[in-house]
Protein backbone atom coordinates (compact mmCIF):
# COMPACT_ATOMS: atom_id res chain seq x y z
CA MET A 1 25.52 47.38 5.76
CA GLY A 2 28.52 47.37 3.39
CA HIS A 3 32.00 46.68 4.63
CA LYS A 4 34.36 49.64 4.75
CA THR A 5 38.00 49.36 3.87
CA VAL A 6 40.54 49.54 6.64
CA GLY A 7 41.75 52.83 5.21
CA GLN A 8 38.29 54.33 5.73
CA ILE A 9 38.21 53.41 9.39
CA GLU A 10 41.86 53.71 10.43
CA HIS A 11 41.70 57.19 11.92
CA ALA A 12 38.39 56.65 13.71
CA VAL A 13 39.55 53.38 15.25
CA ASN A 14 42.86 54.58 16.68
CA ALA A 15 42.53 54.87 20.46
CA GLY A 16 38.72 54.88 20.28
CA PRO A 17 36.48 53.43 23.00
CA THR A 18 35.72 49.73 22.90
CA GLY A 19 32.29 50.16 21.32
CA LYS A 20 33.64 52.25 18.47
CA LEU A 21 36.60 49.93 17.97
CA THR A 22 34.28 46.91 17.82
CA GLU A 23 31.87 48.66 15.47
CA HIS A 24 34.60 49.69 13.08
CA LEU A 25 36.17 46.23 13.02
CA VAL A 26 32.75 44.69 12.34
CA ASN A 27 32.23 47.18 9.52
CA ALA A 28 35.67 46.43 8.09
CA ILE A 29 35.71 42.63 8.15
CA GLY A 30 32.28 41.49 9.33
CA PRO A 31 30.96 40.21 12.66
CA ARG A 32 32.01 36.56 12.32
CA PRO A 33 35.79 37.18 11.91
CA VAL A 34 35.76 39.68 14.80
CA ALA A 35 33.80 37.27 16.99
CA ASP A 36 36.18 34.45 16.05
CA ILE A 37 39.23 36.53 17.01
CA VAL A 38 37.86 37.46 20.44
CA ASP A 39 36.25 34.01 20.89
CA VAL A 40 32.67 35.11 21.52
CA ALA A 41 29.33 34.63 19.77
CA ALA A 42 28.78 37.27 17.12
CA GLY A 43 25.74 38.51 19.07
CA SER A 44 27.99 39.51 21.98
CA LEU A 45 29.58 42.17 19.81
CA ARG A 46 26.30 44.11 19.71
CA GLY A 47 26.45 44.61 23.49
CA TRP A 48 29.99 45.97 23.22
CA ILE A 49 28.92 48.31 20.43
CA ASP A 50 25.87 49.66 22.24
CA GLY A 51 27.60 49.77 25.62
CA THR A 52 25.37 47.28 27.44
CA SER A 53 28.32 44.96 28.06
CA ARG A 54 32.09 45.14 28.00
CA PRO A 55 34.79 42.78 26.83
CA SER A 56 37.38 41.40 29.19
CA THR A 57 40.83 42.97 29.19
CA GLN A 58 42.14 40.11 27.05
CA GLN A 59 39.26 40.51 24.58
CA ARG A 60 39.98 44.25 24.36
CA ASP A 61 43.65 43.42 23.73
CA ARG A 62 42.58 41.08 20.92
CA LEU A 63 40.44 43.84 19.37
CA GLU A 64 43.41 46.18 19.44
CA LEU A 65 45.66 43.50 17.94
CA CYS A 66 43.11 42.94 15.16
CA ARG A 67 43.06 46.69 14.46
CA ASP A 68 46.84 46.75 14.19
CA VAL A 69 47.05 43.63 12.01
CA LEU A 70 44.40 45.05 9.67
CA ALA A 71 46.35 48.30 9.36
CA ALA A 72 49.52 46.32 8.54
CA LEU A 73 47.72 44.10 6.01
CA ARG A 74 46.26 47.11 4.26
CA GLY A 75 49.56 47.82 2.56
CA GLN A 76 50.44 44.22 1.78
CA ALA A 77 50.17 43.33 -1.91
CA GLY A 78 48.34 40.30 -3.23
CA HIS A 79 45.20 40.31 -1.11
CA SER A 80 41.80 40.95 -2.63
CA SER A 81 40.29 41.59 0.79
CA THR A 82 41.53 41.98 4.31
CA ALA A 83 39.01 39.45 5.62
CA SER A 84 40.38 36.78 3.28
CA ALA A 85 43.95 37.65 4.32
CA LEU A 86 42.97 36.97 7.95
CA LYS A 87 41.59 33.53 7.03
CA GLU A 88 44.52 32.32 4.91
CA GLN A 89 46.61 29.46 6.27
CA ARG A 90 50.12 30.92 6.54
CA PRO A 91 53.19 28.68 6.34
CA GLU A 92 55.27 31.25 8.24
CA LEU A 93 52.83 30.83 11.14
CA GLY A 94 52.84 27.02 11.10
CA ASN A 95 49.97 26.81 8.58
CA THR A 96 47.71 28.71 10.94
CA SER A 97 45.48 31.61 9.99
CA LEU A 98 45.85 35.02 11.58
CA ILE A 99 42.34 34.65 13.02
CA THR A 100 43.25 31.36 14.71
CA LEU A 101 46.54 32.68 16.02
CA MET A 102 44.92 35.83 17.45
CA ARG A 103 42.18 33.74 19.12
CA ARG A 104 44.35 30.95 20.57
CA THR A 105 47.45 32.88 21.60
CA ASP A 106 48.00 35.48 24.31
CA PRO A 107 47.55 38.85 22.52
CA ASN A 108 51.06 40.09 23.37
CA ALA A 109 52.65 36.84 22.20
CA ALA A 110 50.49 36.86 19.06
CA ARG A 111 51.54 40.44 18.32
CA ARG A 112 55.23 39.46 18.52
CA ARG A 113 54.81 36.27 16.50
CA ILE A 114 52.78 37.91 13.73
CA GLY A 115 55.13 40.87 13.56
CA GLN A 116 58.21 38.67 13.31
CA ALA A 117 56.76 36.15 10.86
CA LEU A 118 55.22 38.67 8.49
CA GLY A 119 57.66 41.53 8.89
CA PHE A 120 55.07 43.88 10.36
CA GLU A 121 55.72 46.58 12.96
CA LEU A 122 52.79 45.94 15.31
């Protein structure tokens, strides 16, 4: 399955159910980065997609944060892919990647910190 660009999934992802949101993020950046952000095994995502399991509230918040960060990155120049932009060590975030920050930080705090550091409206 090829990865779609964020632009291709943006409208479908907005306010969609958890399974659709998870599926579209996996299609956009791959299962491993999504699993890393929500701190689960990649296989757990399949249950969220097919509806046999559900993420916690905090995991859902991380999925939504990922969606919003991807939308903001889409317009940022200098990145060959959104997945690589998520993995880059960023000096403005204390040499931490966006993936690591989204996984290790409360989603609301991560949203504020990423928005302030990178000049995004999240």
